[in-house]
Amino acid sequence: MRGLRIAPNVIFQSGRNFVDYANTLQSPGHALIGVEASYEISPSAVLFLDARNLADEAYILNYSTVADASIAPTLNVFIPGEGRAIFGGLRIGFGGKP
């Protein structure tokens, strides 16, 4: 079925994950909002636009664990997440849906 499809999305991380084995430092939580829009131009081709982190929220994507964060409080163990991003393109499938 050809047509426009719009799909909002929310990525939620509650936080409260301990970064160190001594349980002295926790990672903060976050909620990211985005939307994807696509239009099927043929049974095997779809144009799409994907917008992520629309509020441009700073968040922690990942972290490295340490033994005790209170011993070295300036140690940077957090890996920042990506800011606002917009992707677009064409999905092509061979022999069926893309």
PDB file of N, CA and C in Angstrom:
ATOM      1  N   MET A   1       0.835  -1.178   0.000  1.00  0.00           N
ATOM      2  CA  MET A   1       0.000   0.000   0.000  1.00  0.00           C
ATOM      3  C   MET A   1       0.884   1.247   0.000  1.00  0.00           C
ATOM      4  N   ARG A   2       0.774   2.038  -1.010  1.00  0.00           N
ATOM      5  CA  ARG A   2       1.548   3.267  -1.100  1.00  0.00           C
ATOM      6  C   ARG A   2       0.971   4.314  -0.167  1.00  0.00           C
ATOM      7  N   GLY A   3       1.842   5.221   0.277  1.00  0.00           N
ATOM      8  CA  GLY A   3       1.356   6.311   1.101  1.00  0.00           C
ATOM      9  C   GLY A   3       2.396   6.816   2.065  1.00  0.00           C
ATOM     10  N   LEU A   4       1.976   7.809   2.803  1.00  0.00           N
ATOM     11  CA  LEU A   4       2.831   8.463   3.783  1.00  0.00           C
ATOM     12  C   LEU A   4       2.695   7.753   5.128  1.00  0.00           C
ATOM     13  N   ARG A   5       3.809   7.556   5.797  1.00  0.00           N
ATOM     14  CA  ARG A   5       3.816   6.954   7.129  1.00  0.00           C
ATOM     15  C   ARG A   5       4.612   7.865   8.043  1.00  0.00           C
ATOM     16  N   ILE A   6       4.048   8.227   9.193  1.00  0.00           N
ATOM     17  CA  ILE A   6       4.743   9.043  10.193  1.00  0.00           C
ATOM     18  C   ILE A   6       4.745   8.272  11.503  1.00  0.00           C
ATOM     19  N   ALA A   7       5.934   8.111  12.089  1.00  0.00           N
ATOM     20  CA  ALA A   7       6.069   7.327  13.315  1.00  0.00           C
ATOM     21  C   ALA A   7       6.906   8.091  14.336  1.00  0.00           C
ATOM     22  N   PRO A   8       6.266   8.649  15.371  1.00  0.00           N
ATOM     23  CA  PRO A   8       7.036   9.291  16.446  1.00  0.00           C
ATOM     24  C   PRO A   8       7.699   8.208  17.303  1.00  0.00           C
ATOM     25  N   ASN A   9       8.793   8.579  17.985  1.00  0.00           N
ATOM     26  CA  ASN A   9       9.443   7.617  18.870  1.00  0.00           C
ATOM     27  C   ASN A   9      10.002   8.318  20.099  1.00  0.00           C
ATOM     28  N   VAL A  10      10.103   7.552  21.177  1.00  0.00           N
ATOM     29  CA  VAL A  10      10.682   8.020  22.429  1.00  0.00           C
ATOM     30  C   VAL A  10      11.667   6.964  22.897  1.00  0.00           C
ATOM     31  N   ILE A  11      12.865   7.405  23.238  1.00  0.00           N
ATOM     32  CA  ILE A  11      13.869   6.526  23.827  1.00  0.00           C
ATOM     33  C   ILE A  11      14.048   6.977  25.264  1.00  0.00           C
ATOM     34  N   PHE A  12      13.809   6.071  26.186  1.00  0.00           N
ATOM     35  CA  PHE A  12      13.823   6.419  27.609  1.00  0.00           C
ATOM     36  C   PHE A  12      14.841   5.558  28.344  1.00  0.00           C
ATOM     37  N   GLN A  13      15.720   6.205  29.096  1.00  0.00           N
ATOM     38  CA  GLN A  13      16.676   5.515  29.964  1.00  0.00           C
ATOM     39  C   GLN A  13      16.463   6.055  31.373  1.00  0.00           C
ATOM     40  N   SER A  14      16.124   5.195  32.299  1.00  0.00           N
ATOM     41  CA  SER A  14      15.766   5.652  33.638  1.00  0.00           C
ATOM     42  C   SER A  14      16.958   6.119  34.465  1.00  0.00           C
ATOM     43  N   GLY A  15      18.152   5.740  34.093  1.00  0.00           N
ATOM     44  CA  GLY A  15      19.316   6.088  34.914  1.00  0.00           C
ATOM     45  C   GLY A  15      19.444   5.109  36.062  1.00  0.00           C
ATOM     46  N   ARG A  16      20.058   5.562  37.126  1.00  0.00           N
ATOM     47  CA  ARG A  16      20.257   4.748  38.323  1.00  0.00           C
ATOM     48  C   ARG A  16      21.132   3.516  38.078  1.00  0.00           C
ATOM     49  N   ASN A  17      21.911   3.546  37.015  1.00  0.00           N
ATOM     50  CA  ASN A  17      22.890   2.484  36.780  1.00  0.00           C
ATOM     51  C   ASN A  17      24.198   2.907  37.424  1.00  0.00           C
ATOM     52  N   PHE A  18      24.764   2.053  38.230  1.00  0.00           N
ATOM     53  CA  PHE A  18      26.023   2.401  38.888  1.00  0.00           C
ATOM     54  C   PHE A  18      27.180   2.282  37.908  1.00  0.00           C
ATOM     55  N   VAL A  19      28.046   3.276  37.959  1.00  0.00           N
ATOM     56  CA  VAL A  19      29.196   3.360  37.069  1.00  0.00           C
ATOM     57  C   VAL A  19      30.416   2.706  37.706  1.00  0.00           C
ATOM     58  N   ASP A  20      30.418   2.609  39.014  1.00  0.00           N
ATOM     59  CA  ASP A  20      31.568   2.014  39.698  1.00  0.00           C
ATOM     60  C   ASP A  20      31.109   0.840  40.563  1.00  0.00           C
ATOM     61  N   TYR A  21      32.060  -0.028  40.885  1.00  0.00           N
ATOM     62  CA  TYR A  21      31.759  -1.225  41.666  1.00  0.00           C
ATOM     63  C   TYR A  21      31.523  -0.917  43.138  1.00  0.00           C
ATOM     64  N   ALA A  22      31.880   0.291  43.574  1.00  0.00           N
ATOM     65  CA  ALA A  22      31.644   0.705  44.963  1.00  0.00           C
ATOM     66  C   ALA A  22      30.262   1.342  45.125  1.00  0.00           C
ATOM     67  N   ASN A  23      29.523   1.466  44.055  1.00  0.00           N
ATOM     68  CA  ASN A  23      28.179   2.049  44.058  1.00  0.00           C
ATOM     69  C   ASN A  23      28.162   3.472  44.628  1.00  0.00           C
ATOM     70  N   THR A  24      29.092   4.312  44.145  1.00  0.00           N
ATOM     71  CA  THR A  24      29.146   5.705  44.596  1.00  0.00           C
ATOM     72  C   THR A  24      28.742   6.693  43.504  1.00  0.00           C
ATOM     73  N   LEU A  25      28.677   6.256  42.237  1.00  0.00           N
ATOM     74  CA  LEU A  25      28.351   7.148  41.127  1.00  0.00           C
ATOM     75  C   LEU A  25      27.348   6.468  40.205  1.00  0.00           C
ATOM     76  N   GLN A  26      26.262   7.194  39.905  1.00  0.00           N
ATOM     77  CA  GLN A  26      25.240   6.667  39.012  1.00  0.00           C
ATOM     78  C   GLN A  26      25.177   7.477  37.723  1.00  0.00           C
ATOM     79  N   SER A  27      24.783   6.810  36.647  1.00  0.00           N
ATOM     80  CA  SER A  27      24.581   7.532  35.386  1.00  0.00           C
ATOM     81  C   SER A  27      23.205   8.190  35.414  1.00  0.00           C
ATOM     82  N   PRO A  28      23.091   9.396  34.853  1.00  0.00           N
ATOM     83  CA  PRO A  28      21.788  10.066  34.825  1.00  0.00           C
ATOM     84  C   PRO A  28      20.882   9.472  33.743  1.00  0.00           C
ATOM     85  N   GLY A  29      19.601   9.617  33.929  1.00  0.00           N
ATOM     86  CA  GLY A  29      18.643   9.141  32.943  1.00  0.00           C
ATOM     87  C   GLY A  29      18.365  10.195  31.874  1.00  0.00           C
ATOM     88  N   HIS A  30      17.638   9.804  30.852  1.00  0.00           N
ATOM     89  CA  HIS A  30      17.271  10.738  29.797  1.00  0.00           C
ATOM     90  C   HIS A  30      16.060  10.216  29.020  1.00  0.00           C
ATOM     91  N   ALA A  31      15.420  11.119  28.312  1.00  0.00           N
ATOM     92  CA  ALA A  31      14.341  10.770  27.387  1.00  0.00           C
ATOM     93  C   ALA A  31      14.574  11.566  26.104  1.00  0.00           C
ATOM     94  N   LEU A  32      14.601  10.865  24.992  1.00  0.00           N
ATOM     95  CA  LEU A  32      14.843  11.487  23.692  1.00  0.00           C
ATOM     96  C   LEU A  32      13.609  11.302  22.820  1.00  0.00           C
ATOM     97  N   ILE A  33      13.245  12.338  22.078  1.00  0.00           N
ATOM     98  CA  ILE A  33      12.105  12.225  21.182  1.00  0.00           C
ATOM     99  C   ILE A  33      12.569  12.382  19.741  1.00  0.00           C
ATOM    100  N   GLY A  34      11.869  11.697  18.853  1.00  0.00           N
ATOM    101  CA  GLY A  34      12.200  11.769  17.437  1.00  0.00           C
ATOM    102  C   GLY A  34      10.989  11.428  16.605  1.00  0.00           C
ATOM    103  N   VAL A  35      11.160  11.479  15.302  1.00  0.00           N
ATOM    104  CA  VAL A  35      10.078  11.137  14.386  1.00  0.00           C
ATOM    105  C   VAL A  35      10.685  10.618  13.087  1.00  0.00           C
ATOM    106  N   GLU A  36      10.025   9.636  12.495  1.00  0.00           N
ATOM    107  CA  GLU A  36      10.435   9.145  11.181  1.00  0.00           C
ATOM    108  C   GLU A  36       9.242   9.273  10.244  1.00  0.00           C
ATOM    109  N   ALA A  37       9.494   9.778   9.066  1.00  0.00           N
ATOM    110  CA  ALA A  37       8.470   9.869   8.039  1.00  0.00           C
ATOM    111  C   ALA A  37       8.968   9.141   6.799  1.00  0.00           C
ATOM    112  N   SER A  38       8.086   8.417   6.158  1.00  0.00           N
ATOM    113  CA  SER A  38       8.479   7.708   4.943  1.00  0.00           C
ATOM    114  C   SER A  38       7.328   7.716   3.944  1.00  0.00           C
ATOM    115  N   TYR A  39       7.693   7.572   2.682  1.00  0.00           N
ATOM    116  CA  TYR A  39       6.702   7.534   1.617  1.00  0.00           C
ATOM    117  C   TYR A  39       7.099   6.446   0.635  1.00  0.00           C
ATOM    118  N   GLU A  40       6.197   5.491   0.441  1.00  0.00           N
ATOM    119  CA  GLU A  40       6.451   4.390  -0.483  1.00  0.00           C
ATOM    120  C   GLU A  40       6.149   4.870  -1.900  1.00  0.00           C
ATOM    121  N   ILE A  41       7.193   4.939  -2.717  1.00  0.00           N
ATOM    122  CA  ILE A  41       6.996   5.416  -4.086  1.00  0.00           C
ATOM    123  C   ILE A  41       6.774   4.264  -5.064  1.00  0.00           C
ATOM    124  N   SER A  42       7.148   3.056  -4.656  1.00  0.00           N
ATOM    125  CA  SER A  42       6.871   1.846  -5.429  1.00  0.00           C
ATOM    126  C   SER A  42       6.946   0.670  -4.452  1.00  0.00           C
ATOM    127  N   PRO A  43       6.548  -0.526  -4.869  1.00  0.00           N
ATOM    128  CA  PRO A  43       6.613  -1.665  -3.952  1.00  0.00           C
ATOM    129  C   PRO A  43       8.027  -1.990  -3.443  1.00  0.00           C
ATOM    130  N   SER A  44       9.046  -1.501  -4.147  1.00  0.00           N
ATOM    131  CA  SER A  44      10.409  -1.812  -3.708  1.00  0.00           C
ATOM    132  C   SER A  44      11.245  -0.571  -3.385  1.00  0.00           C
ATOM    133  N   ALA A  45      10.628   0.620  -3.297  1.00  0.00           N
ATOM    134  CA  ALA A  45      11.384   1.839  -3.007  1.00  0.00           C
ATOM    135  C   ALA A  45      10.611   2.738  -2.044  1.00  0.00           C
ATOM    136  N   VAL A  46      11.324   3.197  -1.017  1.00  0.00           N
ATOM    137  CA  VAL A  46      10.724   4.054   0.001  1.00  0.00           C
ATOM    138  C   VAL A  46      11.663   5.223   0.272  1.00  0.00           C
ATOM    139  N   LEU A  47      11.131   6.445   0.193  1.00  0.00           N
ATOM    140  CA  LEU A  47      11.869   7.634   0.620  1.00  0.00           C
ATOM    141  C   LEU A  47      11.640   7.804   2.114  1.00  0.00           C
ATOM    142  N   PHE A  48      12.690   8.191   2.867  1.00  0.00           N
ATOM    143  CA  PHE A  48      12.504   8.354   4.302  1.00  0.00           C
ATOM    144  C   PHE A  48      13.257   9.565   4.831  1.00  0.00           C
ATOM    145  N   LEU A  49      12.771  10.060   5.967  1.00  0.00           N
ATOM    146  CA  LEU A  49      13.406  11.132   6.723  1.00  0.00           C
ATOM    147  C   LEU A  49      13.316  10.728   8.187  1.00  0.00           C
ATOM    148  N   ASP A  50      14.448  10.702   8.883  1.00  0.00           N
ATOM    149  CA  ASP A  50      14.508  10.266  10.279  1.00  0.00           C
ATOM    150  C   ASP A  50      15.146  11.378  11.113  1.00  0.00           C
ATOM    151  N   ALA A  51      14.384  11.959  12.035  1.00  0.00           N
ATOM    152  CA  ALA A  51      14.884  13.029  12.903  1.00  0.00           C
ATOM    153  C   ALA A  51      15.000  12.482  14.322  1.00  0.00           C
ATOM    154  N   ARG A  52      16.185  12.603  14.929  1.00  0.00           N
ATOM    155  CA  ARG A  52      16.450  12.045  16.254  1.00  0.00           C
ATOM    156  C   ARG A  52      16.875  13.138  17.235  1.00  0.00           C
ATOM    157  N   ASN A  53      16.566  12.929  18.502  1.00  0.00           N
ATOM    158  CA  ASN A  53      16.914  13.855  19.581  1.00  0.00           C
ATOM    159  C   ASN A  53      16.496  15.282  19.219  1.00  0.00           C
ATOM    160  N   LEU A  54      15.230  15.444  18.916  1.00  0.00           N
ATOM    161  CA  LEU A  54      14.717  16.733  18.447  1.00  0.00           C
ATOM    162  C   LEU A  54      14.896  17.870  19.450  1.00  0.00           C
ATOM    163  N   ALA A  55      14.918  17.572  20.734  1.00  0.00           N
ATOM    164  CA  ALA A  55      15.114  18.608  21.758  1.00  0.00           C
ATOM    165  C   ALA A  55      16.591  18.936  21.960  1.00  0.00           C
ATOM    166  N   ASP A  56      17.471  18.245  21.233  1.00  0.00           N
ATOM    167  CA  ASP A  56      18.924  18.438  21.335  1.00  0.00           C
ATOM    168  C   ASP A  56      19.407  18.301  22.781  1.00  0.00           C
ATOM    169  N   GLU A  57      18.885  17.276  23.469  1.00  0.00           N
ATOM    170  CA  GLU A  57      19.234  17.034  24.866  1.00  0.00           C
ATOM    171  C   GLU A  57      20.635  16.425  24.979  1.00  0.00           C
ATOM    172  N   ALA A  58      21.421  16.936  25.920  1.00  0.00           N
ATOM    173  CA  ALA A  58      22.719  16.327  26.225  1.00  0.00           C
ATOM    174  C   ALA A  58      22.444  15.108  27.101  1.00  0.00           C
ATOM    175  N   TYR A  59      23.037  13.975  26.746  1.00  0.00           N
ATOM    176  CA  TYR A  59      22.780  12.747  27.497  1.00  0.00           C
ATOM    177  C   TYR A  59      23.998  11.831  27.456  1.00  0.00           C
ATOM    178  N   ILE A  60      23.979  10.860  28.336  1.00  0.00           N
ATOM    179  CA  ILE A  60      25.060   9.879  28.415  1.00  0.00           C
ATOM    180  C   ILE A  60      24.665   8.670  27.570  1.00  0.00           C
ATOM    181  N   LEU A  61      25.445   8.375  26.548  1.00  0.00           N
ATOM    182  CA  LEU A  61      25.187   7.230  25.691  1.00  0.00           C
ATOM    183  C   LEU A  61      25.690   5.947  26.338  1.00  0.00           C
ATOM    184  N   ASN A  62      26.874   6.021  26.933  1.00  0.00           N
ATOM    185  CA  ASN A  62      27.504   4.843  27.523  1.00  0.00           C
ATOM    186  C   ASN A  62      28.502   5.301  28.567  1.00  0.00           C
ATOM    187  N   TYR A  63      29.065   4.369  29.278  1.00  0.00           N
ATOM    188  CA  TYR A  63      30.071   4.703  30.279  1.00  0.00           C
ATOM    189  C   TYR A  63      31.013   3.529  30.487  1.00  0.00           C
ATOM    190  N   SER A  64      32.194   3.843  31.002  1.00  0.00           N
ATOM    191  CA  SER A  64      33.168   2.821  31.376  1.00  0.00           C
ATOM    192  C   SER A  64      33.092   2.627  32.877  1.00  0.00           C
ATOM    193  N   THR A  65      33.182   1.408  33.320  1.00  0.00           N
ATOM    194  CA  THR A  65      33.121   1.161  34.759  1.00  0.00           C
ATOM    195  C   THR A  65      34.505   1.315  35.390  1.00  0.00           C
ATOM    196  N   VAL A  66      34.506   1.736  36.640  1.00  0.00           N
ATOM    197  CA  VAL A  66      35.732   1.873  37.426  1.00  0.00           C
ATOM    198  C   VAL A  66      35.502   1.196  38.773  1.00  0.00           C
ATOM    199  N   ALA A  67      36.576   0.953  39.502  1.00  0.00           N
ATOM    200  CA  ALA A  67      36.449   0.294  40.806  1.00  0.00           C
ATOM    201  C   ALA A  67      35.734   1.183  41.816  1.00  0.00           C
ATOM    202  N   ASP A  68      36.208   2.443  41.963  1.00  0.00           N
ATOM    203  CA  ASP A  68      35.615   3.350  42.948  1.00  0.00           C
ATOM    204  C   ASP A  68      35.743   4.782  42.436  1.00  0.00           C
ATOM    205  N   ALA A  69      34.634   5.372  42.024  1.00  0.00           N
ATOM    206  CA  ALA A  69      34.652   6.722  41.450  1.00  0.00           C
ATOM    207  C   ALA A  69      34.951   7.786  42.492  1.00  0.00           C
ATOM    208  N   SER A  70      34.743   7.500  43.764  1.00  0.00           N
ATOM    209  CA  SER A  70      35.011   8.506  44.797  1.00  0.00           C
ATOM    210  C   SER A  70      36.510   8.716  44.997  1.00  0.00           C
ATOM    211  N   ILE A  71      37.336   7.787  44.603  1.00  0.00           N
ATOM    212  CA  ILE A  71      38.793   7.922  44.729  1.00  0.00           C
ATOM    213  C   ILE A  71      39.335   8.891  43.674  1.00  0.00           C
ATOM    214  N   ALA A  72      38.771   8.836  42.472  1.00  0.00           N
ATOM    215  CA  ALA A  72      39.223   9.714  41.378  1.00  0.00           C
ATOM    216  C   ALA A  72      38.016  10.453  40.814  1.00  0.00           C
ATOM    217  N   PRO A  73      37.516  11.491  41.491  1.00  0.00           N
ATOM    218  CA  PRO A  73      36.289  12.154  41.055  1.00  0.00           C
ATOM    219  C   PRO A  73      36.403  12.904  39.728  1.00  0.00           C
ATOM    220  N   THR A  74      37.607  13.196  39.270  1.00  0.00           N
ATOM    221  CA  THR A  74      37.761  13.905  38.002  1.00  0.00           C
ATOM    222  C   THR A  74      37.899  12.951  36.818  1.00  0.00           C
ATOM    223  N   LEU A  75      37.893  11.674  37.074  1.00  0.00           N
ATOM    224  CA  LEU A  75      38.009  10.690  36.003  1.00  0.00           C
ATOM    225  C   LEU A  75      36.759  10.733  35.132  1.00  0.00           C
ATOM    226  N   ASN A  76      36.946  10.905  33.838  1.00  0.00           N
ATOM    227  CA  ASN A  76      35.808  10.985  32.924  1.00  0.00           C
ATOM    228  C   ASN A  76      35.480   9.593  32.409  1.00  0.00           C
ATOM    229  N   VAL A  77      34.366   9.036  32.854  1.00  0.00           N
ATOM    230  CA  VAL A  77      33.955   7.700  32.431  1.00  0.00           C
ATOM    231  C   VAL A  77      32.744   7.727  31.502  1.00  0.00           C
ATOM    232  N   PHE A  78      32.150   8.909  31.305  1.00  0.00           N
ATOM    233  CA  PHE A  78      30.936   9.017  30.508  1.00  0.00           C
ATOM    234  C   PHE A  78      31.227   9.310  29.045  1.00  0.00           C
ATOM    235  N   ILE A  79      30.468   8.676  28.162  1.00  0.00           N
ATOM    236  CA  ILE A  79      30.570   8.896  26.720  1.00  0.00           C
ATOM    237  C   ILE A  79      29.295   9.626  26.293  1.00  0.00           C
ATOM    238  N   PRO A  80      29.421  10.854  25.777  1.00  0.00           N
ATOM    239  CA  PRO A  80      28.214  11.626  25.429  1.00  0.00           C
ATOM    240  C   PRO A  80      27.488  11.049  24.222  1.00  0.00           C
ATOM    241  N   GLY A  81      26.184  11.283  24.193  1.00  0.00           N
ATOM    242  CA  GLY A  81      25.360  10.850  23.070  1.00  0.00           C
ATOM    243  C   GLY A  81      25.333  11.885  21.966  1.00  0.00           C
ATOM    244  N   GLU A  82      24.769  11.501  20.859  1.00  0.00           N
ATOM    245  CA  GLU A  82      24.691  12.366  19.685  1.00  0.00           C
ATOM    246  C   GLU A  82      23.646  13.464  19.880  1.00  0.00           C
ATOM    247  N   GLY A  83      23.917  14.637  19.386  1.00  0.00           N
ATOM    248  CA  GLY A  83      22.955  15.742  19.444  1.00  0.00           C
ATOM    249  C   GLY A  83      21.852  15.553  18.422  1.00  0.00           C
ATOM    250  N   ARG A  84      21.158  16.636  18.136  1.00  0.00           N
ATOM    251  CA  ARG A  84      20.076  16.570  17.147  1.00  0.00           C
ATOM    252  C   ARG A  84      20.651  16.099  15.809  1.00  0.00           C
ATOM    253  N   ALA A  85      19.942  15.192  15.161  1.00  0.00           N
ATOM    254  CA  ALA A  85      20.415  14.664  13.884  1.00  0.00           C
ATOM    255  C   ALA A  85      19.222  14.381  12.976  1.00  0.00           C
ATOM    256  N   ILE A  86      19.411  14.625  11.689  1.00  0.00           N
ATOM    257  CA  ILE A  86      18.377  14.349  10.700  1.00  0.00           C
ATOM    258  C   ILE A  86      19.017  13.566   9.553  1.00  0.00           C
ATOM    259  N   PHE A  87      18.411  12.441   9.224  1.00  0.00           N
ATOM    260  CA  PHE A  87      18.901  11.573   8.157  1.00  0.00           C
ATOM    261  C   PHE A  87      17.798  11.410   7.128  1.00  0.00           C
ATOM    262  N   GLY A  88      18.180  11.271   5.912  1.00  0.00           N
ATOM    263  CA  GLY A  88      17.209  11.036   4.852  1.00  0.00           C
ATOM    264  C   GLY A  88      17.815  10.135   3.799  1.00  0.00           C
ATOM    265  N   GLY A  89      16.955   9.498   3.048  1.00  0.00           N
ATOM    266  CA  GLY A  89      17.483   8.636   2.010  1.00  0.00           C
ATOM    267  C   GLY A  89      16.409   7.869   1.274  1.00  0.00           C
ATOM    268  N   LEU A  90      16.861   6.881   0.542  1.00  0.00           N
ATOM    269  CA  LEU A  90      16.012   6.030  -0.263  1.00  0.00           C
ATOM    270  C   LEU A  90      16.342   4.585   0.072  1.00  0.00           C
ATOM    271  N   ARG A  91      15.338   3.827   0.496  1.00  0.00           N
ATOM    272  CA  ARG A  91      15.511   2.385   0.737  1.00  0.00           C
ATOM    273  C   ARG A  91      15.012   1.648  -0.494  1.00  0.00           C
ATOM    274  N   ILE A  92      15.862   0.766  -1.009  1.00  0.00           N
ATOM    275  CA  ILE A  92      15.492  -0.014  -2.191  1.00  0.00           C
ATOM    276  C   ILE A  92      15.594  -1.483  -1.842  1.00  0.00           C
ATOM    277  N   GLY A  93      14.556  -2.216  -2.142  1.00  0.00           N
ATOM    278  CA  GLY A  93      14.541  -3.656  -1.921  1.00  0.00           C
ATOM    279  C   GLY A  93      14.515  -4.396  -3.255  1.00  0.00           C
ATOM    280  N   PHE A  94      15.115  -5.566  -3.277  1.00  0.00           N
ATOM    281  CA  PHE A  94      15.132  -6.383  -4.472  1.00  0.00           C
ATOM    282  C   PHE A  94      14.357  -7.661  -4.186  1.00  0.00           C
ATOM    283  N   GLY A  95      13.328  -7.889  -4.958  1.00  0.00           N
ATOM    284  CA  GLY A  95      12.526  -9.091  -4.785  1.00  0.00           C
ATOM    285  C   GLY A  95      11.473  -8.949  -3.683  1.00  0.00           C
ATOM    286  N   GLY A  96      11.153  -7.758  -3.289  1.00  0.00           N
ATOM    287  CA  GLY A  96      10.131  -7.559  -2.250  1.00  0.00           C
ATOM    288  C   GLY A  96      10.230  -6.195  -1.635  1.00  0.00           C
ATOM    289  N   LYS A  97       9.694  -6.088  -0.433  1.00  0.00           N
ATOM    290  CA  LYS A  97       9.673  -4.806   0.283  1.00  0.00           C
ATOM    291  C   LYS A  97      11.077  -4.427   0.754  1.00  0.00           C
ATOM    292  N   PRO A  98      11.382  -3.099   0.787  1.00  0.00           N
ATOM    293  CA  PRO A  98      12.684  -2.644   1.298  1.00  0.00           C
ATOM    294  C   PRO A  98      12.766  -2.752   2.803  1.00  0.00           C
TER     295      PRO A  98
END
